[in-house]
Every structure is written in C-alpha cells, then in structure tokens.
C-alpha cells in the first residue's frame, strides 16, 4: 500500500457517511465501530446522545486499520494532546493540509477573527479535497440537526486551532507486509529466488537443474531461449526463465546502425543468426530482456527470429 492509497482509503470511508443524521443507521455504524474498538482497548463507550465529531473521525481511522498510529478519542482536546505527543500537530492557520489530515477548530466559531474566551478546539473534520485556497472536510455532528456533512473551508482562517497530520508514508510501509524471500535450491546447488526472470549459467549447471530451480520445464526454457540442444549451454549464458512481454515493444522497428544490426540466439553475445541492414525494418512480438541496462528485443526479420539490441532500433 502506498501513502496515496492510504490517504484515499480514509477519505473514501468518511465520504460514504455523508448525509447520516444523528440516530440514523450511519450514525449507529460509526458508534459501533468506535464502541467495538473501545471495548477491546479499555476506552470509554459512546452513546447516541454524545457529540460525535471526534467519534466520526476516530471511527474512520479505526476502519482504515490505522488506529494504533494516529490520535483516537471522543474528545477534540484529547486528539490534540495525542497529536502533540506523536509530533504530528501543526498549529498554523495558514497550513495547507493534504487529504486524510484532520483539522480542528471551533464548532460555532465565526469565519473571520477570534473572539476572546471562545473555545476554538471543540470540532474536528477529515480533509477530503484540497483546492488552491480552500479545502473540504467531512465532519460528524455538523449543523442542526447534527449530521455528517461535507463542508468547504478557506485556508488561513484564524479560528482554526490546528491540523493533525499523520505520517501516512511511514504508516503505509508498516501496513505493507514484507515478502519473505522464497528460494528453491536443487541438488546441484542452484538457488533461484522467487520472481527472478533471468539466470546466468554457472560452471556445472544443466538446463534441467535450472528448470527445476525456477519451477518450470526444460521445454519452456528451450523455447524461450531458442535453445536447440538442452545439453549445450555454456558458462555465462543468460537464460530467460519467464516470458517477458510488453505491448510498448510490440511494433515495427527501424534499424539505425549504419553497419546493420545483428540478430542473435540470445543477448548479448549469442550466435549470430543474421543481420538487418541499415534503415530496414523488423517486428517485435513484445518479448524483451534487460541485460546490463540495455533492453534486448525479440525480433523477426524475414525468416530470421532472434534477439537484437534496442539501442540500434527506433
């Protein structure tokens, strides 16, 4: 999972709740998400009569599976305190948030200026879109009657208390499991990691042992690598293990090498099957191999089919 995907996931969750009024099935869903989580973690239970903006924001984070990495509470004040401890609290009215961030301000604050004695941190919403000088948030317990609403706000409003800006990039990495490197070792000592696409022949290797280690067959390797005799492979030879095709290579190519371009049995130093003259064309079926940073294409010129370097084709 990427940072962008995770942010969009939070936005998708909270956006689907827009329109849900207090006491509605949506409100009850939000309350259940919070209460189920709270019961497991020794947090206070929520009731239908409670103010539920922080509950809504927290429920979205719980449903997204990131509650252990972000502030979670029924109280905006506690959300701020938790954010400060996590180092993700930004107290700057002019800050331009990103989607998935949270903004905290006064529920009934005026749109311009601060009023002495007013509480300016009793409401929270999740940012769902960002414009040039505005951003939109989805808030629970918004308006009268209270409901989940999408509301547009201006950047740099002085009644904004601040922003909770989770480190989505780091969280996304933590949520993405690291795949254990899976390998297969044959009795000949050949080890090929899962997902490997090519293998360089070493002294003593056989095509059958390579096929076994790669989880394929000799017949497939012979076809992929234009090998006529399975017993004739040499040290240093590059063996393609799986077919690599890409439509961007599947087209007609023109030779730009004035001396012509060789077609080989394999890249980069296989036997020469023939040559394509300067400015003549050949076709590629989409198969390709990357050797030493150079892409080699599987091409056909007349009755000859083999591998040519893309460096001399356009």
Protein backbone atom coordinates (compact mmCIF):
# COMPACT_ATOMS: atom_id res chain seq x y z
CA UNK A 1 0.00 0.00 0.00
CA UNK A 2 1.24 3.49 -0.85
CA UNK A 3 0.81 6.74 1.07
CA UNK A 4 -1.61 8.00 -1.59
CA UNK A 5 -3.70 4.82 -1.44
CA UNK A 6 -3.91 5.01 2.35
CA UNK A 7 -4.99 8.66 2.34
CA UNK A 8 -7.64 7.89 -0.29
CA UNK A 9 -8.85 4.95 1.79
CA UNK A 10 -9.55 7.20 4.79
CA UNK A 11 -11.27 9.75 2.54
CA UNK A 12 -13.41 7.03 0.92
CA UNK A 13 -14.55 5.72 4.30
CA UNK A 14 -15.62 9.06 5.76
CA UNK A 15 -17.16 10.33 2.50
CA UNK A 16 -19.56 7.37 2.39
CA UNK A 17 -21.02 8.54 5.70
CA UNK A 18 -22.04 11.98 4.38
CA UNK A 19 -25.74 12.62 4.97
CA UNK A 20 -26.04 10.37 8.00
CA UNK A 21 -28.03 12.15 10.71
CA UNK A 22 -27.85 11.65 14.45
CA UNK A 23 -29.65 8.40 15.31
CA UNK A 24 -29.52 7.15 11.70
CA UNK A 25 -28.07 3.81 10.58
CA UNK A 26 -24.87 5.63 9.57
CA UNK A 27 -24.53 7.21 13.00
CA UNK A 28 -25.09 3.79 14.58
CA UNK A 29 -22.44 2.27 12.29
CA UNK A 30 -19.93 4.93 13.37
CA UNK A 31 -20.83 4.38 17.02
CA UNK A 32 -20.44 0.58 16.67
CA UNK A 33 -17.00 0.92 15.05
CA UNK A 34 -15.88 3.10 17.96
CA UNK A 35 -17.50 1.00 20.70
CA UNK A 36 -16.12 -2.30 19.37
CA UNK A 37 -12.63 -0.80 19.30
CA UNK A 38 -13.06 0.95 22.65
CA UNK A 39 -14.18 -2.26 24.37
CA UNK A 40 -11.00 -4.05 23.25
CA UNK A 41 -8.72 -1.19 24.28
CA UNK A 42 -10.32 -0.01 27.54
CA UNK A 43 -11.62 3.28 26.14
CA UNK A 44 -14.93 5.00 27.04
CA UNK A 45 -18.07 3.84 25.27
CA UNK A 46 -20.00 6.26 23.04
CA UNK A 47 -23.74 6.88 23.27
CA UNK A 48 -26.19 8.30 20.76
CA UNK A 49 -26.63 11.50 22.74
CA UNK A 50 -22.90 12.30 22.68
CA UNK A 51 -21.33 14.95 20.46
CA UNK A 52 -19.84 12.78 17.73
CA UNK A 53 -17.39 14.71 15.52
CA UNK A 54 -14.27 13.22 17.16
CA UNK A 55 -16.04 9.87 17.25
CA UNK A 56 -16.62 10.07 13.48
CA UNK A 57 -13.01 10.99 12.68
CA UNK A 58 -11.71 8.28 15.01
CA UNK A 59 -14.07 5.66 13.58
CA UNK A 60 -12.77 6.40 10.08
CA UNK A 61 -9.20 5.83 11.26
CA UNK A 62 -10.23 2.63 13.04
CA UNK A 63 -11.99 1.31 9.96
CA UNK A 64 -8.94 2.17 7.82
CA UNK A 65 -6.86 0.00 10.16
CA UNK A 66 -4.52 2.74 11.37
CA UNK A 67 -5.88 3.49 14.85
CA UNK A 68 -2.64 2.48 16.57
CA UNK A 69 -0.70 5.11 14.61
CA UNK A 70 -2.97 8.16 14.92
CA UNK A 71 -4.90 10.03 17.64
CA UNK A 72 -8.12 8.25 18.68
CA UNK A 73 -10.61 9.78 21.10
CA UNK A 74 -14.15 11.03 21.70
CA UNK A 75 -12.67 14.41 22.63
CA UNK A 76 -11.11 17.01 20.33
CA UNK A 77 -8.92 18.20 23.18
CA UNK A 78 -7.53 14.71 23.66
CA UNK A 79 -6.98 14.36 19.90
CA UNK A 80 -4.80 17.46 20.05
CA UNK A 81 -2.83 16.19 23.06
CA UNK A 82 -2.23 12.82 21.40
CA UNK A 83 -1.19 14.53 18.16
CA UNK A 84 1.33 16.69 20.03
CA UNK A 85 2.85 13.61 21.67
CA UNK A 86 3.12 11.92 18.26
CA UNK A 87 4.72 15.04 16.78
CA UNK A 88 2.03 15.41 14.12
CA UNK A 89 0.27 18.54 15.39
CA UNK A 90 0.59 21.60 13.15
CA UNK A 91 -0.60 24.81 14.82
CA UNK A 92 -0.64 27.12 11.81
CA UNK A 93 -3.85 28.59 10.38
CA UNK A 94 -2.13 29.09 7.02
CA UNK A 95 -1.05 25.45 6.75
CA UNK A 96 -2.38 23.79 3.61
CA UNK A 97 -3.39 20.25 4.54
CA UNK A 98 -3.45 17.07 2.49
CA UNK A 99 -6.36 14.69 2.13
CA UNK A 100 -6.66 12.38 5.13
CA UNK A 101 -5.37 15.05 7.53
CA UNK A 102 -7.66 16.33 10.30
CA UNK A 103 -8.48 19.95 11.09
CA UNK A 104 -9.66 21.16 14.49
CA UNK A 105 -11.50 24.42 15.12
CA UNK A 106 -14.48 25.87 16.96
CA UNK A 107 -17.90 24.38 16.19
CA UNK A 108 -19.63 27.76 16.27
CA UNK A 109 -16.62 29.97 15.55
CA UNK A 110 -17.01 32.95 13.20
CA UNK A 111 -15.38 32.66 9.80
CA UNK A 112 -13.11 35.63 10.47
CA UNK A 113 -11.23 36.52 13.61
CA UNK A 114 -11.07 35.01 17.08
CA UNK A 115 -13.41 36.04 19.88
CA UNK A 116 -11.87 36.25 23.37
CA UNK A 117 -12.99 33.49 25.70
CA UNK A 118 -14.34 31.27 22.95
CA UNK A 119 -13.41 27.61 22.71
CA UNK A 120 -11.68 27.09 19.36
CA UNK A 121 -10.87 23.41 19.55
CA UNK A 122 -14.18 21.63 20.01
CA UNK A 123 -14.83 20.39 16.45
CA UNK A 124 -12.90 18.17 14.03
CA UNK A 125 -13.22 17.12 10.41
CA UNK A 126 -11.22 15.00 7.96
CA UNK A 127 -9.85 16.75 4.87
CA UNK A 128 -11.24 15.09 1.72
CA UNK A 129 -10.15 17.50 -1.02
CA UNK A 130 -7.79 20.45 -1.38
CA UNK A 131 -8.05 23.41 -3.74
CA UNK A 132 -5.86 26.45 -4.35
CA UNK A 133 -7.09 28.46 -1.37
CA UNK A 134 -9.71 26.14 0.07
CA UNK A 135 -10.12 22.63 1.34
CA UNK A 136 -13.17 20.46 2.00
CA UNK A 137 -13.73 18.44 5.15
CA UNK A 138 -16.21 15.79 6.20
CA UNK A 139 -17.43 16.37 9.75
CA UNK A 140 -19.64 14.34 12.03
CA UNK A 141 -22.11 16.15 14.33
CA UNK A 142 -22.20 19.14 11.97
CA UNK A 143 -25.04 21.63 11.80
CA UNK A 144 -28.53 21.49 13.25
CA UNK A 145 -29.87 18.83 13.19
CA UNK A 146 -26.46 17.24 13.57
CA UNK A 147 -25.29 15.01 10.74
CA UNK A 148 -22.24 14.04 8.70
CA UNK A 149 -21.58 16.91 6.31
CA UNK A 150 -19.06 17.86 3.66
CA UNK A 151 -18.09 21.49 4.16
CA UNK A 152 -15.68 23.76 2.29
CA UNK A 153 -13.26 25.82 4.36
CA UNK A 154 -10.81 28.58 3.46
CA UNK A 155 -7.08 28.23 4.03
CA UNK A 156 -5.72 30.65 6.66
CA UNK A 157 -8.86 31.10 8.73
CA UNK A 158 -7.88 32.40 12.15
CA UNK A 159 -10.40 30.29 14.04
CA UNK A 160 -8.57 27.09 13.06
CA UNK A 161 -6.82 25.60 16.10
CA UNK A 162 -4.52 23.42 14.03
CA UNK A 163 -4.09 20.29 11.97
CA UNK A 164 -3.41 16.65 12.76
CA UNK A 165 -1.08 15.42 10.01
CA UNK A 166 -0.43 11.67 10.34
CA UNK A 167 2.75 10.30 8.78
CA UNK A 168 0.87 8.33 6.15
CA UNK A 169 4.04 7.38 4.28
CA UNK A 170 5.52 5.58 7.29
CA UNK A 171 2.16 4.07 8.26
CA UNK A 172 1.67 2.72 4.72
CA UNK A 173 5.05 0.98 4.91
CA UNK A 174 4.13 -0.59 8.24
CA UNK A 175 0.85 -1.86 6.80
CA UNK A 176 2.56 -3.40 3.76
CA UNK A 177 3.92 -6.82 4.72
CA UNK A 178 7.48 -7.57 3.66
CA UNK A 179 7.50 -10.65 1.48
CA UNK A 180 9.92 -13.24 2.69
CA UNK A 181 12.47 -14.09 0.06
CA UNK A 182 11.45 -17.50 -1.20
CA UNK A 183 14.10 -19.60 -2.88
CA UNK A 184 14.40 -23.05 -4.33
CA UNK A 185 17.68 -24.97 -4.13
CA UNK A 186 18.24 -28.05 -6.27
CA UNK A 187 20.58 -30.95 -5.56
CA UNK A 188 23.08 -29.29 -7.90
CA UNK A 189 23.22 -26.25 -5.63
CA UNK A 190 21.33 -23.86 -7.94
CA UNK A 191 19.37 -21.26 -6.00
CA UNK A 192 16.83 -19.06 -7.76
CA UNK A 193 14.76 -16.51 -5.84
CA UNK A 194 11.03 -16.43 -6.46
CA UNK A 195 10.15 -13.80 -9.06
CA UNK A 196 13.56 -13.91 -10.79
CA UNK A 197 13.17 -13.53 -14.55
CA UNK A 198 16.67 -14.44 -15.79
CA UNK A 199 19.53 -16.70 -14.69
CA UNK A 200 23.21 -16.66 -15.68
CA UNK A 201 24.64 -20.14 -16.25
CA UNK A 202 27.46 -21.16 -13.90
CA UNK A 203 30.04 -23.90 -14.31
CA UNK A 204 28.44 -27.33 -13.85
CA UNK A 205 24.84 -26.13 -14.37
CA UNK A 206 22.44 -28.09 -16.54
CA UNK A 207 19.27 -26.84 -18.18
CA UNK A 208 17.20 -29.42 -16.32
CA UNK A 209 18.60 -28.28 -12.95
CA UNK A 210 17.91 -24.64 -13.84
CA UNK A 211 14.35 -25.53 -14.88
CA UNK A 212 13.76 -27.37 -11.59
CA UNK A 213 15.10 -24.48 -9.50
CA UNK A 214 12.99 -21.99 -11.45
CA UNK A 215 9.84 -24.12 -11.18
CA UNK A 216 9.48 -24.52 -14.95
CA UNK A 217 10.29 -27.12 -17.62
CA UNK A 218 13.22 -27.73 -19.95
CA UNK A 219 10.87 -27.48 -22.94
CA UNK A 220 9.75 -23.97 -21.89
CA UNK A 221 13.32 -22.79 -21.35
CA UNK A 222 14.37 -24.17 -24.72
CA UNK A 223 11.54 -22.31 -26.45
CA UNK A 224 12.11 -19.06 -24.55
CA UNK A 225 15.84 -19.05 -25.23
CA UNK A 226 15.92 -20.55 -28.73
CA UNK A 227 18.00 -23.49 -27.46
CA UNK A 228 18.15 -26.39 -29.90
CA UNK A 229 20.11 -28.83 -27.72
CA UNK A 230 19.34 -28.84 -23.99
CA UNK A 231 22.77 -30.35 -23.29
CA UNK A 232 24.58 -27.45 -24.93
CA UNK A 233 24.57 -24.46 -22.61
CA UNK A 234 27.69 -22.56 -21.61
CA UNK A 235 29.02 -20.72 -18.57
CA UNK A 236 27.93 -17.07 -18.63
CA UNK A 237 24.93 -17.71 -20.85
CA UNK A 238 21.83 -15.72 -19.86
CA UNK A 239 18.74 -17.89 -19.55
CA UNK A 240 15.33 -16.25 -19.62
CA UNK A 241 13.10 -18.02 -17.09
CA UNK A 242 9.74 -16.48 -17.91
CA UNK A 243 8.33 -14.78 -20.95
CA UNK A 244 8.51 -11.01 -20.56
CA UNK A 245 6.16 -9.19 -22.87
CA UNK A 246 5.19 -5.56 -23.09
CA UNK A 247 2.90 -4.06 -25.71
CA UNK A 248 5.04 -0.93 -25.89
CA UNK A 249 7.71 -3.01 -27.64
CA UNK A 250 5.23 -4.83 -29.87
CA UNK A 251 5.60 -2.86 -33.10
CA UNK A 252 7.72 -2.40 -36.22
CA UNK A 253 11.24 -1.10 -35.61
CA UNK A 254 13.74 0.54 -37.99
CA UNK A 255 17.49 -0.18 -37.82
CA UNK A 256 19.57 2.97 -37.19
CA UNK A 257 23.00 1.28 -37.13
CA UNK A 258 24.71 2.12 -40.46
CA UNK A 259 26.65 -1.13 -40.39
CA UNK A 260 23.42 -3.07 -39.87
CA UNK A 261 22.18 -4.88 -36.77
CA UNK A 262 22.89 -8.49 -35.83
CA UNK A 263 20.17 -10.88 -34.71
CA UNK A 264 21.50 -13.27 -32.08
CA UNK A 265 20.35 -16.50 -30.49
CA UNK A 266 20.49 -14.74 -27.13
CA UNK A 267 21.61 -11.39 -25.72
CA UNK A 268 24.21 -10.06 -25.62
CA UNK A 269 26.73 -12.48 -27.14
CA UNK A 270 24.81 -15.42 -28.59
CA UNK A 271 25.49 -16.82 -32.03
CA UNK A 272 24.67 -14.50 -34.94
CA UNK A 273 21.66 -15.75 -36.89
CA UNK A 274 21.77 -12.96 -39.47
CA UNK A 275 21.76 -9.18 -39.83
CA UNK A 276 19.21 -6.48 -40.56
CA UNK A 277 20.53 -3.83 -42.99
CA UNK A 278 20.53 -0.10 -42.16
CA UNK A 279 17.06 1.52 -42.38
CA UNK A 280 15.35 -1.86 -42.90
CA UNK A 281 12.53 -2.82 -40.54
CA UNK A 282 11.84 -5.74 -38.25
CA UNK A 283 8.94 -6.63 -35.98
CA UNK A 284 8.94 -7.35 -32.26
CA UNK A 285 6.40 -9.64 -30.57
CA UNK A 286 6.73 -7.78 -27.27
CA UNK A 287 9.23 -10.12 -25.67
CA UNK A 288 12.25 -8.38 -24.15
CA UNK A 289 15.18 -8.90 -21.84
CA UNK A 290 17.20 -6.33 -19.93
CA UNK A 291 20.91 -7.11 -19.89
CA UNK A 292 23.44 -4.71 -18.40
CA UNK A 293 20.94 -1.87 -18.54
CA UNK A 294 20.18 -2.48 -22.23
CA UNK A 295 16.79 -3.75 -23.40
CA UNK A 296 17.04 -6.51 -25.99
CA UNK A 297 14.03 -7.19 -28.19
CA UNK A 298 12.81 -10.46 -29.67
CA UNK A 299 12.53 -9.56 -33.35
CA UNK A 300 11.76 -11.13 -36.69
CA UNK A 301 13.34 -10.10 -39.99
CA UNK A 302 12.24 -12.17 -42.94
CA UNK A 303 12.68 -15.79 -41.85
CA UNK A 304 15.10 -14.95 -39.03
CA UNK A 305 13.92 -14.63 -35.43
CA UNK A 306 16.19 -13.81 -32.52
CA UNK A 307 17.42 -11.02 -30.23
CA UNK A 308 18.64 -7.53 -31.13
CA UNK A 309 19.64 -4.54 -29.02
CA UNK A 310 17.04 -1.77 -28.81
CA UNK A 311 19.90 0.76 -28.78
CA UNK A 312 20.09 0.43 -32.57
CA UNK A 313 16.37 0.35 -33.25
CA UNK A 314 13.83 3.12 -33.35
